Protein backbone atom coordinates (compact mmCIF):
# COMPACT_ATOMS: atom_id res chain seq x y z
CA MET A 1 36.92 12.94 -35.10
CA THR A 2 33.73 13.11 -33.03
CA ALA A 3 31.98 16.36 -32.25
CA THR A 4 31.78 17.47 -28.63
CA ARG A 5 28.45 17.93 -26.87
CA GLN A 6 28.83 21.71 -27.16
CA GLU A 7 29.35 21.42 -30.91
CA GLN A 8 26.28 19.17 -31.14
CA GLY A 9 24.23 21.70 -29.17
CA SER A 10 23.41 19.41 -26.24
CA SER A 11 24.64 19.09 -22.70
CA TYR A 12 25.37 15.96 -20.71
CA THR A 13 22.30 16.65 -18.53
CA GLU A 14 20.04 16.95 -21.58
CA ASP A 15 21.41 13.70 -23.00
CA VAL A 16 20.86 11.80 -19.75
CA SER A 17 17.41 13.20 -18.98
CA GLY A 18 16.29 12.87 -22.58
CA ASN A 19 17.16 9.22 -22.98
CA PRO A 20 18.72 7.51 -19.97
CA ARG A 21 18.95 4.13 -21.73
CA LYS A 22 20.96 5.61 -24.60
CA SER A 23 23.29 7.53 -22.32
CA GLY A 24 24.60 4.41 -20.62
CA VAL A 25 24.51 6.25 -17.29
CA LEU A 26 21.59 4.21 -15.97
CA ALA A 27 21.30 0.47 -16.38
CA PRO A 28 18.36 -0.41 -18.67
CA GLU A 29 16.45 -2.22 -15.94
CA ARG A 30 16.54 0.90 -13.71
CA ALA A 31 15.39 3.31 -16.42
CA HIS A 32 11.65 2.69 -15.93
CA ALA A 33 9.78 5.00 -13.59
CA ALA A 34 9.03 3.83 -10.06
CA PHE A 35 5.46 3.95 -8.82
CA LYS A 36 3.64 3.49 -5.53
CA ILE A 37 1.67 0.49 -4.34
CA LEU A 38 -1.20 1.30 -1.97
CA ALA A 39 -2.53 -1.27 0.51
CA LEU A 40 -5.96 -0.94 2.11
CA ASP A 41 -7.07 -2.63 5.32
CA TYR A 42 -10.85 -2.42 4.83
CA GLY A 43 -13.08 -1.83 7.82
CA ARG A 44 -16.65 -0.63 8.30
CA THR A 45 -15.61 2.59 10.06
CA LYS A 46 -11.94 3.00 9.02
CA ILE A 47 -9.58 2.05 6.25
CA GLY A 48 -5.91 1.55 7.09
CA LEU A 49 -3.49 2.78 4.42
CA ALA A 50 0.10 1.73 3.69
CA LEU A 51 2.49 2.51 0.85
CA ALA A 52 5.49 0.97 -0.85
CA ASP A 53 7.66 2.10 -3.72
CA SER A 54 7.70 -0.39 -6.60
CA GLU A 55 11.50 -0.45 -6.66
CA ALA A 56 12.47 -0.17 -2.98
CA ARG A 57 9.65 -2.59 -2.04
CA ILE A 58 9.56 -1.50 1.60
CA ALA A 59 6.06 -1.27 3.09
CA GLN A 60 5.33 1.61 5.46
CA PRO A 61 2.16 2.59 7.30
CA TYR A 62 0.71 5.77 5.79
CA ASP A 63 -2.53 6.84 7.46
CA THR A 64 -5.99 5.80 8.60
CA MET A 65 -9.00 7.11 6.69
CA GLU A 66 -12.26 7.52 8.61
CA ARG A 67 -15.12 6.24 6.45
CA ILE A 68 -17.84 8.72 5.45
CA ASN A 69 -19.86 7.03 2.70
CA ARG A 70 -19.09 4.98 -0.41
CA ASN A 71 -18.91 7.87 -2.85
CA GLU A 72 -16.84 10.14 -0.61
CA ASP A 73 -14.53 7.27 0.34
CA MET A 74 -13.90 6.49 -3.35
CA ARG A 75 -13.35 10.16 -4.16
CA ARG A 76 -10.73 10.48 -1.41
CA LEU A 77 -9.01 7.23 -2.40
CA ARG A 78 -8.95 8.28 -6.06
CA GLU A 79 -7.43 11.65 -5.13
CA LEU A 80 -4.87 10.02 -2.83
CA ALA A 81 -3.85 7.50 -5.49
CA ARG A 82 -3.46 10.26 -8.08
CA ASP A 83 -1.49 12.55 -5.77
CA LEU A 84 0.91 9.79 -4.67
CA GLY A 85 1.46 8.21 -8.11
CA VAL A 86 -0.15 4.90 -7.17
CA ARG A 87 -0.47 2.33 -9.97
CA GLN A 88 -1.32 -0.81 -7.98
CA ILE A 89 -3.79 -1.27 -5.12
CA VAL A 90 -3.86 -4.19 -2.68
CA VAL A 91 -6.89 -4.89 -0.48
CA GLY A 92 -6.80 -7.22 2.51
CA LEU A 93 -9.13 -10.22 2.38
CA PRO A 94 -10.23 -11.08 5.95
CA LEU A 95 -10.59 -14.85 5.79
CA ARG A 96 -11.38 -16.95 8.82
CA LEU A 97 -8.57 -18.95 10.40
CA ASP A 98 -9.77 -22.07 8.55
CA GLY A 99 -9.41 -20.21 5.22
CA THR A 100 -13.12 -19.77 4.50
CA GLY A 101 -14.77 -16.46 3.71
CA GLY A 102 -17.43 -14.79 5.78
CA GLU A 103 -19.44 -11.59 5.92
CA MET A 104 -16.36 -9.33 6.19
CA ALA A 105 -14.60 -11.18 3.36
CA ASP A 106 -17.66 -10.61 1.16
CA GLU A 107 -17.73 -6.91 2.08
CA ALA A 108 -13.99 -6.52 1.40
CA THR A 109 -14.38 -8.26 -1.97
CA ARG A 110 -17.23 -5.92 -2.98
CA PHE A 111 -15.15 -2.96 -1.79
CA ALA A 112 -12.15 -4.12 -3.89
CA GLN A 113 -14.41 -4.45 -6.95
CA ARG A 114 -15.70 -0.90 -6.38
CA VAL A 115 -12.15 0.41 -6.01
CA HIS A 116 -11.13 -1.23 -9.30
CA LYS A 117 -14.21 0.05 -11.13
CA GLN A 118 -14.21 3.61 -9.77
CA ILE A 119 -10.47 4.28 -9.53
CA GLY A 120 -9.54 2.30 -12.64
CA MET A 121 -6.39 0.63 -11.32
CA PRO A 122 -5.41 -2.98 -10.91
CA VAL A 123 -6.55 -4.32 -7.53
CA GLU A 124 -5.31 -7.52 -5.92
CA MET A 125 -6.65 -9.12 -2.78
CA VAL A 126 -4.29 -10.57 -0.19
CA ASP A 127 -5.12 -12.93 2.66
CA GLU A 128 -4.97 -10.82 5.80
CA ARG A 129 -5.58 -13.43 8.48
CA LEU A 130 -4.07 -12.24 11.77
CA SER A 131 -2.90 -8.92 10.25
CA SER A 132 -4.47 -6.88 13.07
CA TRP A 133 -2.88 -9.17 15.66
CA GLU A 134 0.48 -8.80 13.88
CA ALA A 135 -0.03 -5.01 13.69
CA GLU A 136 -0.60 -4.83 17.45
CA ARG A 137 2.54 -6.90 18.02
CA ILE A 138 4.57 -4.58 15.76
CA LEU A 139 3.23 -1.48 17.49
CA GLU A 140 4.07 -2.90 20.92
CA GLU A 141 7.42 -4.55 20.19
CA GLU A 142 8.93 -2.50 17.40
CA MET A 143 7.36 0.92 17.87
CA GLY A 144 7.12 0.90 21.66
CA ARG A 145 3.37 1.47 21.81
CA ARG A 146 1.06 -0.26 24.26
CA ILE A 147 -2.32 -1.33 22.88
CA VAL A 148 -5.12 -0.94 25.41
CA HIS A 149 -8.24 -3.08 25.18
CA GLU A 150 -11.60 -2.33 26.71
CA GLU A 151 -14.03 -4.98 27.93
CA THR A 152 -17.50 -4.64 26.36
CA PRO A 153 -20.63 -6.79 26.55
CA HIS A 154 -19.60 -8.17 23.12
CA GLY A 155 -16.01 -9.02 24.14
CA ARG A 156 -12.75 -7.09 23.98
CA ARG A 157 -12.10 -4.23 21.62
CA LYS A 158 -9.20 -1.88 20.99
CA MET A 159 -9.44 1.62 22.32
CA PRO A 160 -10.04 4.20 19.56
CA GLY A 161 -7.19 5.63 17.44
CA THR A 162 -4.31 7.73 18.64
CA THR A 163 -4.12 11.43 19.26
CA ASP A 164 -0.33 11.56 19.44
CA GLY A 165 0.12 11.51 15.65
CA LYS A 166 1.53 7.98 15.62
CA TYR A 167 0.31 5.13 13.46
CA THR A 168 -2.91 3.29 14.26
CA VAL A 169 -3.40 -0.47 14.27
CA ASP A 170 -5.32 -0.07 10.99
CA ALA A 171 -2.41 1.61 9.18
CA VAL A 172 0.08 -0.93 10.52
CA ALA A 173 -2.30 -3.78 9.54
CA ALA A 174 -2.31 -2.33 5.99
CA MET A 175 1.50 -2.40 6.12
CA VAL A 176 1.39 -6.09 7.13
CA ILE A 177 -0.92 -6.80 4.17
CA LEU A 178 1.44 -4.93 1.85
CA ARG A 179 4.47 -6.85 3.18
CA GLU A 180 2.66 -10.10 2.38
CA TYR A 181 1.89 -8.87 -1.16
CA LEU A 182 5.49 -7.73 -1.73
CA ALA A 183 6.87 -11.06 -0.48
CA ARG A 184 4.49 -13.01 -2.70
CA THR A 185 5.24 -10.95 -5.82
CA ALA A 186 9.01 -11.15 -5.17
CA LEU A 187 8.72 -14.96 -5.12
CA THR A 188 6.76 -15.08 -8.38
CA GLU A 189 9.12 -12.60 -10.08
CA GLY A 190 12.14 -14.58 -8.87
CA SER A 191 10.83 -17.84 -10.35
CA ARG A 192 10.53 -16.42 -13.86
């Protein structure tokens, strides 16, 4: 005859929370803790931020961080990563349409190296060609926002961020980068 949980001095809740694999309540592959993946769309004045849960794997725009200086930017990113439970960081690599690097690709690569060194998390770079264009399309078509451009002596540029509390092009571009990363990692995990 087996002893009941009360006789053993434990409750069902204690058994499950103490060792979910042993309890049989959760499947073994679901027993590991989920974590966040943070994507960064690097820019000289702003950094777009997007998040995804490691299990749900759905990318969402998070915020746009105004740049201050290298040290302050790293401090804020480190704090954000800690507060949100981030364990993987993805940085967009702005290649030219022909696939070659340029000045911004070099800057983004140095930034990703700094993030890895100062935050101490794995950092992967993802090709972000056309991510800002795709972000504008998403904002216009899926989120009902109209992107206004201003003519300048140096060409067209987007009008500055929003004041209505909605997502900026930078945050949505980070989401596009994160979607690309999630799609790529799903393919490599599926082929194992």
